[in-house]
C-alpha atoms as a PDB file:
ATOM      1  CA  MET A   1     -28.028  -8.642  10.858  1.00  0.00           C
ATOM      2  CA  LYS A   2     -24.596  -7.357  11.894  1.00  0.00           C
ATOM      3  CA  THR A   3     -24.245  -5.644  15.259  1.00  0.00           C
ATOM      4  CA  CYS A   4     -21.492  -4.269  17.449  1.00  0.00           C
ATOM      5  CA  GLU A   5     -21.574  -3.319  21.090  1.00  0.00           C
ATOM      6  CA  ILE A   6     -19.054  -2.124  23.639  1.00  0.00           C
ATOM      7  CA  LEU A   7     -18.815  -4.674  26.433  1.00  0.00           C
ATOM      8  CA  THR A   8     -18.930  -3.348  29.970  1.00  0.00           C
ATOM      9  CA  GLN A   9     -18.036  -6.715  31.511  1.00  0.00           C
ATOM     10  CA  LEU A  10     -15.345  -9.164  30.480  1.00  0.00           C
ATOM     11  CA  PRO A  11     -16.741 -12.179  28.651  1.00  0.00           C
ATOM     12  CA  THR A  12     -16.120 -15.614  30.123  1.00  0.00           C
ATOM     13  CA  SER A  13     -12.754 -16.961  29.010  1.00  0.00           C
ATOM     14  CA  GLY A  14     -13.174 -18.906  25.771  1.00  0.00           C
ATOM     15  CA  GLU A  15     -16.753 -17.721  25.217  1.00  0.00           C
ATOM     16  CA  TYR A  16     -15.752 -15.783  22.069  1.00  0.00           C
ATOM     17  CA  GLU A  17     -12.780 -15.680  19.761  1.00  0.00           C
ATOM     18  CA  GLU A  18     -10.766 -12.607  20.818  1.00  0.00           C
ATOM     19  CA  VAL A  19      -8.674 -10.556  18.408  1.00  0.00           C
ATOM     20  CA  VAL A  20      -6.270  -8.037  19.983  1.00  0.00           C
ATOM     21  CA  PHE A  21      -5.629  -4.738  18.195  1.00  0.00           C
ATOM     22  CA  GLY A  22      -2.741  -2.577  19.360  1.00  0.00           C
ATOM     23  CA  LYS A  23      -0.177  -3.595  21.949  1.00  0.00           C
ATOM     24  CA  ASP A  24      -1.008  -6.514  24.179  1.00  0.00           C
ATOM     25  CA  SER A  25      -0.667  -4.438  27.353  1.00  0.00           C
ATOM     26  CA  GLY A  26      -2.323  -1.483  29.031  1.00  0.00           C
ATOM     27  CA  THR A  27      -6.051  -0.823  29.208  1.00  0.00           C
ATOM     28  CA  PHE A  28      -8.523  -2.050  26.632  1.00  0.00           C
ATOM     29  CA  THR A  29     -11.989  -1.527  25.224  1.00  0.00           C
ATOM     30  CA  ARG A  30     -13.760  -4.718  24.213  1.00  0.00           C
ATOM     31  CA  VAL A  31     -16.292  -4.707  21.385  1.00  0.00           C
ATOM     32  CA  LYS A  32     -18.482  -7.669  20.482  1.00  0.00           C
ATOM     33  CA  PHE A  33     -19.139  -8.066  16.756  1.00  0.00           C
ATOM     34  CA  SER A  34     -22.058 -10.315  15.838  1.00  0.00           C
ATOM     35  CA  GLU A  35     -23.310 -11.713  12.566  1.00  0.00           C
ATOM     36  CA  PRO A  36     -25.985 -14.363  12.136  1.00  0.00           C
ATOM     37  CA  SER A  37     -23.299 -17.038  11.761  1.00  0.00           C
ATOM     38  CA  ALA A  38     -20.793 -16.088  14.481  1.00  0.00           C
ATOM     39  CA  SER A  39     -19.666 -13.582  17.097  1.00  0.00           C
ATOM     40  CA  TRP A  40     -16.189 -12.454  18.092  1.00  0.00           C
ATOM     41  CA  VAL A  41     -14.668  -9.835  20.385  1.00  0.00           C
ATOM     42  CA  GLY A  42     -12.200  -7.178  19.335  1.00  0.00           C
ATOM     43  CA  VAL A  43      -9.854  -6.123  22.140  1.00  0.00           C
ATOM     44  CA  PHE A  44      -8.719  -2.559  21.390  1.00  0.00           C
ATOM     45  CA  GLN A  45      -5.830  -0.924  23.187  1.00  0.00           C
ATOM     46  CA  ASN A  46      -6.978   2.387  24.640  1.00  0.00           C
ATOM     47  CA  GLY A  47      -5.155   5.523  23.674  1.00  0.00           C
ATOM     48  CA  TYR A  48      -4.598   8.718  25.576  1.00  0.00           C
ATOM     49  CA  TYR A  49      -7.706   8.617  27.750  1.00  0.00           C
ATOM     50  CA  PRO A  50      -8.666   5.105  28.872  1.00  0.00           C
ATOM     51  CA  SER A  51     -11.782   6.249  30.743  1.00  0.00           C
ATOM     52  CA  LYS A  52     -13.088   8.744  28.176  1.00  0.00           C
ATOM     53  CA  LYS A  53     -16.020   8.281  25.848  1.00  0.00           C
ATOM     54  CA  ASN A  54     -15.751   5.207  23.647  1.00  0.00           C
ATOM     55  CA  GLN A  55     -17.832   4.498  20.549  1.00  0.00           C
ATOM     56  CA  ALA A  56     -18.436   1.597  18.190  1.00  0.00           C
ATOM     57  CA  LEU A  57     -20.417   1.864  14.985  1.00  0.00           C
ATOM     58  CA  LEU A  58     -20.968  -0.210  11.871  1.00  0.00           C
ATOM     59  CA  VAL A  59     -20.833   1.088   8.316  1.00  0.00           C
ATOM     60  CA  ALA A  60     -21.164  -1.528   5.548  1.00  0.00           C
ATOM     61  CA  ASP A  61     -18.358  -4.111   5.978  1.00  0.00           C
ATOM     62  CA  TYR A  62     -16.455  -1.917   8.440  1.00  0.00           C
ATOM     63  CA  ALA A  63     -16.631  -0.904  12.054  1.00  0.00           C
ATOM     64  CA  LEU A  64     -15.232   2.225  13.621  1.00  0.00           C
ATOM     65  CA  VAL A  65     -14.098   1.838  17.207  1.00  0.00           C
ATOM     66  CA  LEU A  66     -13.121   4.840  19.304  1.00  0.00           C
ATOM     67  CA  ALA A  67     -11.098   3.579  22.270  1.00  0.00           C
ATOM     68  CA  GLY A  68      -9.641   6.115  24.675  1.00  0.00           C
ATOM     69  CA  GLY A  69      -8.846   8.651  21.954  1.00  0.00           C
ATOM     70  CA  LEU A  70      -7.624   6.194  19.294  1.00  0.00           C
ATOM     71  CA  LEU A  71      -9.844   5.578  16.260  1.00  0.00           C
ATOM     72  CA  TYR A  72      -9.664   2.101  14.738  1.00  0.00           C
ATOM     73  CA  LEU A  73     -10.963   1.238  11.266  1.00  0.00           C
ATOM     74  CA  VAL A  74     -11.913  -2.446  11.410  1.00  0.00           C
ATOM     75  CA  ASP A  75     -12.362  -4.676   8.362  1.00  0.00           C
ATOM     76  CA  LEU A  76     -14.976  -7.092   9.678  1.00  0.00           C
ATOM     77  CA  GLN A  77     -14.396  -9.750   7.024  1.00  0.00           C
ATOM     78  CA  ALA A  78     -10.615  -9.938   7.521  1.00  0.00           C
ATOM     79  CA  LYS A  79     -10.741  -9.193  11.280  1.00  0.00           C
ATOM     80  CA  THR A  80      -7.989  -6.622  10.839  1.00  0.00           C
ATOM     81  CA  ALA A  81      -7.768  -3.028  12.001  1.00  0.00           C
ATOM     82  CA  HIS A  82      -5.552  -0.021  11.776  1.00  0.00           C
ATOM     83  CA  ILE A  83      -5.499   3.220  13.707  1.00  0.00           C
ATOM     84  CA  LEU A  84      -6.519   6.312  11.763  1.00  0.00           C
ATOM     85  CA  PRO A  85      -3.876   9.037  12.209  1.00  0.00           C
ATOM     86  CA  SER A  86      -4.612  12.086  14.344  1.00  0.00           C
ATOM     87  CA  LYS A  87      -2.540  14.829  15.969  1.00  0.00           C
ATOM     88  CA  ASP A  88      -4.772  14.735  19.063  1.00  0.00           C
ATOM     89  CA  ALA A  89      -7.039  12.326  20.863  1.00  0.00           C
ATOM     90  CA  ILE A  90     -10.270  11.699  18.969  1.00  0.00           C
ATOM     91  CA  GLN A  91     -13.389  12.682  20.929  1.00  0.00           C
ATOM     92  CA  SER A  92     -16.225  11.707  18.612  1.00  0.00           C
ATOM     93  CA  VAL A  93     -16.810   9.949  15.296  1.00  0.00           C
ATOM     94  CA  ILE A  94     -19.602   9.752  12.726  1.00  0.00           C
ATOM     95  CA  ALA A  95     -19.623   8.148   9.295  1.00  0.00           C
ATOM     96  CA  ASP A  96     -21.592   7.050   6.283  1.00  0.00           C
ATOM     97  CA  GLU A  97     -20.635   4.772   3.390  1.00  0.00           C
ATOM     98  CA  LYS A  98     -18.473   7.491   1.793  1.00  0.00           C
ATOM     99  CA  GLN A  99     -16.569   9.279   4.557  1.00  0.00           C
ATOM    100  CA  ILE A 100     -15.507   9.149   8.187  1.00  0.00           C
ATOM    101  CA  PHE A 101     -15.559  12.338  10.296  1.00  0.00           C
ATOM    102  CA  ALA A 102     -13.459  12.346  13.471  1.00  0.00           C
ATOM    103  CA  ALA A 103     -13.291  15.237  15.939  1.00  0.00           C
ATOM    104  CA  ALA A 104     -10.046  15.802  17.809  1.00  0.00           C
ATOM    105  CA  PHE A 105      -9.333  18.670  20.203  1.00  0.00           C
ATOM    106  CA  THR A 106      -7.867  20.925  17.491  1.00  0.00           C
ATOM    107  CA  SER A 107      -9.400  19.662  14.253  1.00  0.00           C
ATOM    108  CA  ILE A 108     -12.118  17.767  12.470  1.00  0.00           C
ATOM    109  CA  GLU A 109     -10.530  15.126  10.293  1.00  0.00           C
ATOM    110  CA  VAL A 110     -12.150  13.522   7.259  1.00  0.00           C
ATOM    111  CA  PHE A 111     -11.024  10.041   6.168  1.00  0.00           C
ATOM    112  CA  ASP A 112     -11.925   7.615   3.405  1.00  0.00           C
ATOM    113  CA  TYR A 113     -12.286   3.868   3.920  1.00  0.00           C
ATOM    114  CA  ASN A 114      -8.728   3.252   2.752  1.00  0.00           C
ATOM    115  CA  GLY A 115      -7.713   5.024   5.968  1.00  0.00           C
ATOM    116  CA  SER A 116      -6.378   8.044   4.068  1.00  0.00           C
ATOM    117  CA  LEU A 117      -6.814  11.545   5.427  1.00  0.00           C
ATOM    118  CA  VAL A 118      -8.961  13.467   2.923  1.00  0.00           C
ATOM    119  CA  LYS A 119      -8.924  16.799   4.767  1.00  0.00           C
ATOM    120  CA  SER A 120      -8.169  18.250   8.186  1.00  0.00           C
ATOM    121  CA  LEU A 121     -10.241  21.241   9.294  1.00  0.00           C
ATOM    122  CA  GLU A 122      -7.874  22.993  11.699  1.00  0.00           C
ATOM    123  CA  GLY A 123      -7.681  26.257  13.600  1.00  0.00           C
ATOM    124  CA  TYR A 124     -10.302  25.449  16.208  1.00  0.00           C
ATOM    125  CA  TYR A 125     -10.284  24.142  19.749  1.00  0.00           C
ATOM    126  CA  PHE A 126     -13.086  21.730  20.560  1.00  0.00           C
ATOM    127  CA  ASP A 127     -13.855  20.584  24.077  1.00  0.00           C
ATOM    128  CA  MET A 128     -16.546  17.987  24.775  1.00  0.00           C
ATOM    129  CA  PHE A 129     -17.296  17.551  21.060  1.00  0.00           C
ATOM    130  CA  ASP A 130     -20.277  15.477  19.931  1.00  0.00           C
ATOM    131  CA  PHE A 131     -21.402  14.714  16.376  1.00  0.00           C
ATOM    132  CA  GLN A 132     -25.196  14.913  16.077  1.00  0.00           C
ATOM    133  CA  SER A 133     -26.087  13.751  12.552  1.00  0.00           C
ATOM    134  CA  ILE A 134     -24.805  13.082   9.056  1.00  0.00           C
ATOM    135  CA  THR A 135     -26.713  13.582   5.800  1.00  0.00           C
ATOM    136  CA  THR A 136     -25.677  13.681   2.156  1.00  0.00           C
ATOM    137  CA  THR A 137     -25.169  17.458   2.411  1.00  0.00           C
ATOM    138  CA  GLU A 138     -23.853  18.153   5.925  1.00  0.00           C
ATOM    139  CA  VAL A 139     -22.568  16.912   9.239  1.00  0.00           C
ATOM    140  CA  ALA A 140     -24.045  18.537  12.348  1.00  0.00           C
ATOM    141  CA  ALA A 141     -22.212  18.709  15.664  1.00  0.00           C
ATOM    142  CA  GLN A 142     -21.940  20.621  18.906  1.00  0.00           C
ATOM    143  CA  TYR A 143     -19.144  21.341  21.334  1.00  0.00           C
ATOM    144  CA  TYR A 144     -18.834  22.905  24.760  1.00  0.00           C
ATOM    145  CA  GLN A 145     -17.344  26.382  24.782  1.00  0.00           C
ATOM    146  CA  ALA A 146     -15.505  28.146  27.593  1.00  0.00           C
ATOM    147  CA  GLY A 147     -18.038  30.124  29.576  1.00  0.00           C
ATOM    148  CA  GLY A 148     -20.566  27.352  29.758  1.00  0.00           C
ATOM    149  CA  SER A 149     -22.382  27.340  26.430  1.00  0.00           C
ATOM    150  CA  TRP A 150     -22.797  24.745  23.717  1.00  0.00           C
ATOM    151  CA  THR A 151     -21.934  25.828  20.190  1.00  0.00           C
ATOM    152  CA  SER A 152     -23.412  24.184  17.109  1.00  0.00           C
ATOM    153  CA  LEU A 153     -21.516  23.803  13.878  1.00  0.00           C
ATOM    154  CA  ARG A 154     -22.029  22.211  10.508  1.00  0.00           C
ATOM    155  CA  VAL A 155     -19.584  20.789   7.993  1.00  0.00           C
ATOM    156  CA  ASP A 156     -20.621  21.225   4.372  1.00  0.00           C
ATOM    157  CA  ARG A 157     -20.128  17.822   2.696  1.00  0.00           C
ATOM    158  CA  ARG A 158     -19.577  19.383  -0.743  1.00  0.00           C
ATOM    159  CA  THR A 159     -16.781  21.784   0.259  1.00  0.00           C
ATOM    160  CA  LEU A 160     -15.619  20.027   3.449  1.00  0.00           C
ATOM    161  CA  GLU A 161     -15.618  23.370   5.234  1.00  0.00           C
ATOM    162  CA  ILE A 162     -17.233  24.432   8.492  1.00  0.00           C
ATOM    163  CA  SER A 163     -20.295  26.342   7.349  1.00  0.00           C
ATOM    164  CA  GLY A 164     -21.460  27.954  10.551  1.00  0.00           C
ATOM    165  CA  LYS A 165     -21.002  28.147  14.282  1.00  0.00           C
ATOM    166  CA  GLN A 166     -23.773  29.315  16.588  1.00  0.00           C
ATOM    167  CA  ALA A 167     -24.003  29.395  20.356  1.00  0.00           C
ATOM    168  CA  THR A 168     -26.878  27.334  21.707  1.00  0.00           C
END
């Protein structure tokens, strides 16, 4: 079974093969990728916000790593990665085998697994954004709104439009 986990402590030198993604300087997020046959550590250069929420998730033969606002699409077989483009720092990510949804401060961006931007849902400002779930028909999320309330929203998977916002 494949797994990935964000490491909170540096591994012992030489314990795992390390592959560096991004520049070899600055602050990093380390993610351990394990398969039954071997384990290795991806060292991801952090983006705009080194101490902000980081995520790592597996989808088929890929991993998505959110490191300080940068979103990396990792090909686990080739041990290569590239940064998915965004106008702002990415706050949250969710995906299935078909699409990747990434929330920035001013948009929700939809990517395919070639790393191409499929659609950008703009005209919003999201603070403290968190994806909740993904199904074949919709993506559910919530974000913190000025004034102290959480607002729920849904993205319709068929139209790739935001289908509703409600204060919670």
